[in-house]
Amino acid sequence: LSSGINAEYGGVCNENEDLKAYGAGCLSSIEELENCISSKSKKLPFEVDNIVTTPYPITTIQPVYFVAPSFNEAKRKVMEWSQQIPRPFTAHYNPYTQSVELINKRSNCIKMIRDLANEMKTLEDAVMKLVD
């Protein structure tokens, strides 16, 4: 199993000089949680290329954790890395349905453009009602 599931399984961030754990795997086991923030476990810098090629056991406590300077930095690095993955579609997060939608057909694009145009009309209406 690759640690490419880092965001789901979890990891460690160094927020304000304190190690903080995140993710279901790290937070669901007291032993894992203690291990990931202790000085006993090996810590490496959060580099996505290394994370996705590092094999991990799935039945024991993890031997190594990748530490990001912050959770936001970890998210940024994962987002940048994922942009290089070739795929024949684009994904879009819809905050109204709280789901990820694929934009892989012309009709998906047209719907998204219409939705954005409606949002812009609402915003324009709000701005026009503001008094300087």
N, C-alpha and C. Protein backbone atom coordinates (compact mmCIF):
# COMPACT_ATOMS: atom_id res chain seq x y z
N LEU A 1 0.85 -1.18 0.00
CA LEU A 1 0.00 0.00 0.00
C LEU A 1 0.89 1.24 0.00
N SER A 2 0.59 2.17 -0.86
CA SER A 2 1.35 3.41 -0.93
C SER A 2 0.75 4.43 0.04
N SER A 3 1.57 5.34 0.48
CA SER A 3 1.05 6.37 1.37
C SER A 3 0.39 7.47 0.57
N GLY A 4 0.06 7.22 -0.69
CA GLY A 4 -0.66 8.18 -1.50
C GLY A 4 -2.01 8.52 -0.89
N ILE A 5 -2.44 7.76 0.09
CA ILE A 5 -3.69 8.06 0.78
C ILE A 5 -3.44 8.97 1.97
N ASN A 6 -2.32 9.69 1.96
CA ASN A 6 -1.91 10.53 3.08
C ASN A 6 -3.02 11.44 3.59
N ALA A 7 -3.73 12.09 2.69
CA ALA A 7 -4.77 13.03 3.12
C ALA A 7 -5.91 12.30 3.81
N GLU A 8 -6.23 11.10 3.36
CA GLU A 8 -7.30 10.33 4.00
C GLU A 8 -6.80 9.69 5.28
N TYR A 9 -5.66 9.01 5.18
CA TYR A 9 -5.12 8.32 6.35
C TYR A 9 -4.68 9.33 7.39
N GLY A 10 -3.91 10.30 6.93
CA GLY A 10 -3.47 11.34 7.85
C GLY A 10 -1.99 11.61 7.78
N GLY A 11 -1.59 12.56 8.55
CA GLY A 11 -0.20 12.95 8.59
C GLY A 11 0.04 13.89 9.75
N VAL A 12 1.14 14.62 9.65
CA VAL A 12 1.54 15.49 10.75
C VAL A 12 1.88 16.87 10.18
N CYS A 13 1.44 17.89 10.87
CA CYS A 13 1.78 19.27 10.52
C CYS A 13 2.50 19.90 11.71
N ASN A 14 3.40 20.79 11.39
CA ASN A 14 4.14 21.51 12.43
C ASN A 14 3.54 22.91 12.53
N GLU A 15 2.42 23.01 13.22
CA GLU A 15 1.71 24.29 13.35
C GLU A 15 2.22 25.02 14.58
N ASN A 16 2.77 26.20 14.39
CA ASN A 16 3.26 27.03 15.50
C ASN A 16 4.20 26.25 16.42
N GLU A 17 5.11 25.49 15.80
CA GLU A 17 6.12 24.71 16.52
C GLU A 17 5.54 23.54 17.32
N ASP A 18 4.26 23.21 17.12
CA ASP A 18 3.64 22.06 17.75
C ASP A 18 3.27 21.05 16.67
N LEU A 19 3.60 19.79 16.90
CA LEU A 19 3.20 18.75 15.96
C LEU A 19 1.72 18.46 16.16
N LYS A 20 0.97 18.49 15.06
CA LYS A 20 -0.47 18.22 15.11
C LYS A 20 -0.80 17.16 14.08
N ALA A 21 -1.57 16.19 14.50
CA ALA A 21 -1.98 15.09 13.61
C ALA A 21 -3.29 15.45 12.92
N TYR A 22 -3.48 14.91 11.72
CA TYR A 22 -4.74 15.06 11.00
C TYR A 22 -5.05 13.76 10.26
N GLY A 23 -6.30 13.55 9.96
CA GLY A 23 -6.72 12.40 9.17
C GLY A 23 -7.27 11.27 10.01
N ALA A 24 -8.14 10.49 9.39
CA ALA A 24 -8.87 9.43 10.08
C ALA A 24 -7.94 8.37 10.67
N GLY A 25 -6.92 7.97 9.94
CA GLY A 25 -6.03 6.92 10.43
C GLY A 25 -5.27 7.33 11.68
N CYS A 26 -4.70 8.51 11.64
CA CYS A 26 -3.93 8.99 12.80
C CYS A 26 -4.82 9.24 14.00
N LEU A 27 -6.02 9.74 13.75
CA LEU A 27 -6.89 10.14 14.85
C LEU A 27 -7.77 9.02 15.38
N SER A 28 -7.82 7.90 14.67
CA SER A 28 -8.72 6.82 15.10
C SER A 28 -8.05 5.81 16.04
N SER A 29 -6.76 5.94 16.22
CA SER A 29 -6.03 5.02 17.08
C SER A 29 -5.16 5.80 18.06
N ILE A 30 -5.37 5.59 19.34
CA ILE A 30 -4.56 6.30 20.33
C ILE A 30 -3.08 5.96 20.14
N GLU A 31 -2.80 4.70 19.86
CA GLU A 31 -1.41 4.28 19.67
C GLU A 31 -0.78 4.98 18.46
N GLU A 32 -1.54 5.06 17.36
CA GLU A 32 -1.05 5.74 16.16
C GLU A 32 -0.87 7.23 16.43
N LEU A 33 -1.82 7.82 17.10
CA LEU A 33 -1.75 9.24 17.42
C LEU A 33 -0.53 9.55 18.28
N GLU A 34 -0.31 8.76 19.31
CA GLU A 34 0.86 8.97 20.17
C GLU A 34 2.14 8.79 19.38
N ASN A 35 2.18 7.78 18.51
CA ASN A 35 3.37 7.50 17.73
C ASN A 35 3.69 8.64 16.74
N CYS A 36 2.67 9.16 16.08
CA CYS A 36 2.94 10.15 15.03
C CYS A 36 3.45 11.48 15.58
N ILE A 37 3.13 11.79 16.82
CA ILE A 37 3.64 13.07 17.36
C ILE A 37 4.80 12.88 18.34
N SER A 38 5.19 11.63 18.56
CA SER A 38 6.31 11.38 19.48
C SER A 38 7.65 11.51 18.77
N SER A 39 8.70 11.58 19.54
CA SER A 39 10.05 11.65 18.97
C SER A 39 10.54 10.27 18.55
N LYS A 40 9.79 9.21 18.87
CA LYS A 40 10.19 7.85 18.52
C LYS A 40 10.02 7.54 17.04
N SER A 41 9.03 8.17 16.39
CA SER A 41 8.79 7.88 14.97
C SER A 41 9.67 8.75 14.08
N LYS A 42 9.96 8.22 12.91
CA LYS A 42 10.79 8.94 11.94
C LYS A 42 9.94 10.00 11.25
N LYS A 43 10.47 11.19 11.12
CA LYS A 43 9.77 12.30 10.46
C LYS A 43 10.60 12.77 9.27
N LEU A 44 9.93 12.92 8.15
CA LEU A 44 10.57 13.42 6.94
C LEU A 44 9.80 14.64 6.43
N PRO A 45 10.44 15.49 5.64
CA PRO A 45 9.72 16.65 5.08
C PRO A 45 8.58 16.20 4.17
N PHE A 46 7.52 16.96 4.14
CA PHE A 46 6.34 16.67 3.34
C PHE A 46 6.62 16.97 1.88
N GLU A 47 7.01 15.95 1.15
CA GLU A 47 7.23 16.06 -0.30
C GLU A 47 6.38 14.99 -0.96
N VAL A 48 5.41 15.40 -1.76
CA VAL A 48 4.42 14.47 -2.30
C VAL A 48 5.05 13.37 -3.14
N ASP A 49 6.07 13.67 -3.93
CA ASP A 49 6.72 12.63 -4.73
C ASP A 49 7.26 11.51 -3.84
N ASN A 50 7.79 11.86 -2.69
CA ASN A 50 8.28 10.84 -1.75
C ASN A 50 7.13 10.11 -1.05
N ILE A 51 6.10 10.84 -0.72
CA ILE A 51 4.96 10.25 -0.02
C ILE A 51 4.32 9.15 -0.86
N VAL A 52 4.07 9.44 -2.13
CA VAL A 52 3.34 8.47 -2.96
C VAL A 52 4.17 7.27 -3.37
N THR A 53 5.46 7.32 -3.16
CA THR A 53 6.31 6.17 -3.51
C THR A 53 6.80 5.40 -2.29
N THR A 54 6.40 5.83 -1.12
CA THR A 54 6.82 5.16 0.12
C THR A 54 5.83 4.06 0.47
N PRO A 55 6.29 2.81 0.54
CA PRO A 55 5.36 1.73 0.94
C PRO A 55 5.07 1.81 2.45
N TYR A 56 3.85 1.47 2.80
CA TYR A 56 3.43 1.50 4.19
C TYR A 56 2.76 0.19 4.56
N PRO A 57 3.04 -0.31 5.77
CA PRO A 57 2.28 -1.47 6.26
C PRO A 57 0.87 -1.01 6.64
N ILE A 58 -0.10 -1.89 6.46
CA ILE A 58 -1.47 -1.49 6.80
C ILE A 58 -1.96 -2.12 8.10
N THR A 59 -1.16 -2.99 8.68
CA THR A 59 -1.61 -3.67 9.90
C THR A 59 -0.80 -3.31 11.14
N THR A 60 0.15 -2.40 10.97
CA THR A 60 0.95 -1.98 12.12
C THR A 60 1.04 -0.46 12.16
N ILE A 61 1.59 0.04 13.24
CA ILE A 61 1.81 1.48 13.38
C ILE A 61 2.79 1.91 12.28
N GLN A 62 2.54 3.08 11.72
CA GLN A 62 3.37 3.57 10.63
C GLN A 62 4.79 3.88 11.13
N PRO A 63 5.80 3.51 10.34
CA PRO A 63 7.18 3.74 10.77
C PRO A 63 7.70 5.15 10.46
N VAL A 64 7.04 5.86 9.53
CA VAL A 64 7.52 7.19 9.12
C VAL A 64 6.32 8.09 8.82
N TYR A 65 6.49 9.37 9.14
CA TYR A 65 5.46 10.36 8.87
C TYR A 65 6.10 11.52 8.11
N PHE A 66 5.35 12.09 7.21
CA PHE A 66 5.82 13.25 6.46
C PHE A 66 5.21 14.49 7.10
N VAL A 67 6.06 15.41 7.49
CA VAL A 67 5.62 16.58 8.25
C VAL A 67 5.59 17.82 7.36
N ALA A 68 4.43 18.43 7.32
CA ALA A 68 4.24 19.68 6.57
C ALA A 68 4.35 20.85 7.55
N PRO A 69 4.78 22.01 7.05
CA PRO A 69 4.85 23.18 7.93
C PRO A 69 3.47 23.60 8.45
N SER A 70 2.42 23.29 7.69
CA SER A 70 1.04 23.60 8.09
C SER A 70 0.10 22.72 7.28
N PHE A 71 -1.13 22.61 7.73
CA PHE A 71 -2.11 21.84 6.98
C PHE A 71 -2.37 22.50 5.64
N ASN A 72 -2.43 23.84 5.60
CA ASN A 72 -2.64 24.55 4.34
C ASN A 72 -1.51 24.29 3.35
N GLU A 73 -0.29 24.23 3.85
CA GLU A 73 0.85 23.93 2.97
C GLU A 73 0.76 22.51 2.43
N ALA A 74 0.35 21.57 3.25
CA ALA A 74 0.16 20.19 2.80
C ALA A 74 -0.89 20.15 1.71
N LYS A 75 -2.02 20.83 1.92
CA LYS A 75 -3.07 20.87 0.90
C LYS A 75 -2.55 21.49 -0.39
N ARG A 76 -1.81 22.59 -0.29
CA ARG A 76 -1.28 23.27 -1.47
C ARG A 76 -0.37 22.35 -2.26
N LYS A 77 0.52 21.65 -1.56
CA LYS A 77 1.45 20.75 -2.25
C LYS A 77 0.73 19.58 -2.92
N VAL A 78 -0.27 19.03 -2.26
CA VAL A 78 -1.03 17.93 -2.85
C VAL A 78 -1.81 18.42 -4.06
N MET A 79 -2.40 19.61 -3.98
CA MET A 79 -3.14 20.17 -5.11
C MET A 79 -2.21 20.40 -6.30
N GLU A 80 -1.04 20.98 -6.05
CA GLU A 80 -0.09 21.22 -7.13
C GLU A 80 0.35 19.90 -7.76
N TRP A 81 0.65 18.93 -6.93
CA TRP A 81 1.11 17.63 -7.43
C TRP A 81 0.01 16.97 -8.26
N SER A 82 -1.23 17.05 -7.79
CA SER A 82 -2.33 16.37 -8.49
C SER A 82 -2.62 16.99 -9.85
N GLN A 83 -2.25 18.24 -10.04
CA GLN A 83 -2.47 18.89 -11.34
C GLN A 83 -1.63 18.27 -12.45
N GLN A 84 -0.55 17.62 -12.09
CA GLN A 84 0.32 17.01 -13.10
C GLN A 84 -0.16 15.63 -13.54
N ILE A 85 -1.17 15.08 -12.88
CA ILE A 85 -1.69 13.76 -13.25
C ILE A 85 -2.51 13.91 -14.52
N PRO A 86 -2.13 13.22 -15.60
CA PRO A 86 -2.91 13.34 -16.84
C PRO A 86 -4.30 12.72 -16.66
N ARG A 87 -5.31 13.46 -17.07
CA ARG A 87 -6.67 12.94 -17.02
C ARG A 87 -7.52 13.65 -18.08
N PRO A 88 -8.48 12.94 -18.63
CA PRO A 88 -9.29 13.50 -19.72
C PRO A 88 -10.51 14.30 -19.22
N PHE A 89 -10.43 14.83 -18.02
CA PHE A 89 -11.55 15.57 -17.46
C PHE A 89 -11.03 16.59 -16.47
N THR A 90 -11.91 17.44 -16.03
CA THR A 90 -11.61 18.40 -14.97
C THR A 90 -12.62 18.16 -13.86
N ALA A 91 -12.19 18.32 -12.65
CA ALA A 91 -13.09 18.15 -11.51
C ALA A 91 -13.38 19.51 -10.90
N HIS A 92 -14.60 19.65 -10.39
CA HIS A 92 -15.04 20.92 -9.79
C HIS A 92 -15.80 20.61 -8.51
N TYR A 93 -15.47 21.30 -7.43
CA TYR A 93 -16.20 21.13 -6.18
C TYR A 93 -17.42 22.03 -6.18
N ASN A 94 -18.59 21.45 -5.98
CA ASN A 94 -19.83 22.19 -5.92
C ASN A 94 -20.19 22.39 -4.44
N PRO A 95 -20.04 23.62 -3.94
CA PRO A 95 -20.30 23.85 -2.52
C PRO A 95 -21.77 23.70 -2.13
N TYR A 96 -22.68 23.83 -3.10
CA TYR A 96 -24.11 23.69 -2.79
C TYR A 96 -24.50 22.24 -2.53
N THR A 97 -23.93 21.34 -3.34
CA THR A 97 -24.24 19.92 -3.14
C THR A 97 -23.17 19.23 -2.31
N GLN A 98 -22.09 19.95 -2.02
CA GLN A 98 -20.95 19.42 -1.27
C GLN A 98 -20.43 18.14 -1.92
N SER A 99 -20.26 18.23 -3.23
CA SER A 99 -19.78 17.07 -3.97
C SER A 99 -18.82 17.53 -5.08
N VAL A 100 -18.05 16.59 -5.57
CA VAL A 100 -17.14 16.85 -6.68
C VAL A 100 -17.84 16.42 -7.96
N GLU A 101 -17.87 17.32 -8.93
CA GLU A 101 -18.52 17.03 -10.20
C GLU A 101 -17.47 16.98 -11.29
N LEU A 102 -17.64 16.04 -12.21
CA LEU A 102 -16.74 15.95 -13.35
C LEU A 102 -17.21 16.88 -14.45
N ILE A 103 -16.27 17.56 -15.04
CA ILE A 103 -16.57 18.39 -16.20
C ILE A 103 -15.88 17.69 -17.37
N ASN A 104 -16.59 16.75 -17.96
CA ASN A 104 -16.01 15.92 -19.01
C ASN A 104 -16.83 15.91 -20.29
N LYS A 105 -17.86 16.76 -20.35
CA LYS A 105 -18.69 16.88 -21.54
C LYS A 105 -19.00 18.35 -21.77
N ARG A 106 -19.28 18.68 -23.01
CA ARG A 106 -19.63 20.06 -23.36
C ARG A 106 -20.84 20.51 -22.54
N SER A 107 -21.81 19.63 -22.35
CA SER A 107 -23.02 20.00 -21.61
C SER A 107 -22.69 20.36 -20.15
N ASN A 108 -21.69 19.69 -19.56
CA ASN A 108 -21.26 20.05 -18.20
C ASN A 108 -20.69 21.46 -18.17
N CYS A 109 -19.92 21.80 -19.20
CA CYS A 109 -19.31 23.14 -19.28
C CYS A 109 -20.39 24.20 -19.43
N ILE A 110 -21.36 23.96 -20.31
CA ILE A 110 -22.44 24.93 -20.53
C ILE A 110 -23.23 25.14 -19.25
N LYS A 111 -23.54 24.06 -18.54
CA LYS A 111 -24.27 24.18 -17.27
C LYS A 111 -23.47 25.01 -16.27
N MET A 112 -22.18 24.75 -16.19
CA MET A 112 -21.35 25.48 -15.24
C MET A 112 -21.29 26.97 -15.61
N ILE A 113 -21.18 27.28 -16.90
CA ILE A 113 -21.16 28.68 -17.35
C ILE A 113 -22.47 29.37 -16.97
N ARG A 114 -23.59 28.68 -17.19
CA ARG A 114 -24.90 29.27 -16.85
C ARG A 114 -25.01 29.48 -15.34
N ASP A 115 -24.56 28.52 -14.56
CA ASP A 115 -24.60 28.67 -13.10
C ASP A 115 -23.76 29.86 -12.65
N LEU A 116 -22.57 29.99 -13.23
CA LEU A 116 -21.69 31.12 -12.88
C LEU A 116 -22.30 32.45 -13.30
N ALA A 117 -22.95 32.47 -14.47
CA ALA A 117 -23.59 33.70 -14.94
C ALA A 117 -24.70 34.12 -13.98
N ASN A 118 -25.48 33.15 -13.48
CA ASN A 118 -26.53 33.46 -12.50
C ASN A 118 -25.93 33.99 -11.21
N GLU A 119 -24.82 33.40 -10.77
CA GLU A 119 -24.15 33.88 -9.56
C GLU A 119 -23.65 35.31 -9.76
N MET A 120 -23.12 35.60 -10.94
CA MET A 120 -22.63 36.96 -11.23
C MET A 120 -23.78 37.96 -11.25
N LYS A 121 -24.94 37.56 -11.78
CA LYS A 121 -26.11 38.46 -11.77
C LYS A 121 -26.52 38.77 -10.34
N THR A 122 -26.52 37.77 -9.48
CA THR A 122 -26.88 37.98 -8.07
C THR A 122 -25.88 38.92 -7.41
N LEU A 123 -24.60 38.72 -7.68
CA LEU A 123 -23.56 39.58 -7.11
C LEU A 123 -23.70 41.02 -7.63
N GLU A 124 -23.94 41.16 -8.94
CA GLU A 124 -24.11 42.49 -9.52
C GLU A 124 -25.31 43.20 -8.90
N ASP A 125 -26.40 42.48 -8.70
CA ASP A 125 -27.59 43.05 -8.08
C ASP A 125 -27.27 43.54 -6.67
N ALA A 126 -26.52 42.75 -5.92
CA ALA A 126 -26.15 43.14 -4.56
C ALA A 126 -25.27 44.39 -4.57
N VAL A 127 -24.31 44.46 -5.48
CA VAL A 127 -23.40 45.61 -5.55
C VAL A 127 -24.19 46.87 -5.92
N MET A 128 -25.14 46.75 -6.84
CA MET A 128 -25.92 47.92 -7.26
C MET A 128 -26.79 48.48 -6.14
N LYS A 129 -27.12 47.65 -5.17
CA LYS A 129 -27.95 48.09 -4.05
C LYS A 129 -27.13 48.72 -2.92
N LEU A 130 -25.81 48.59 -3.00
CA LEU A 130 -24.95 49.16 -1.96
C LEU A 130 -24.83 50.66 -2.15
N VAL A 131 -24.79 51.36 -1.06
CA VAL A 131 -24.65 52.81 -1.09
C VAL A 131 -23.24 53.16 -0.65
N ASP A 132 -22.58 54.02 -1.43
CA ASP A 132 -21.22 54.44 -1.06
C ASP A 132 -21.23 55.50 -0.01
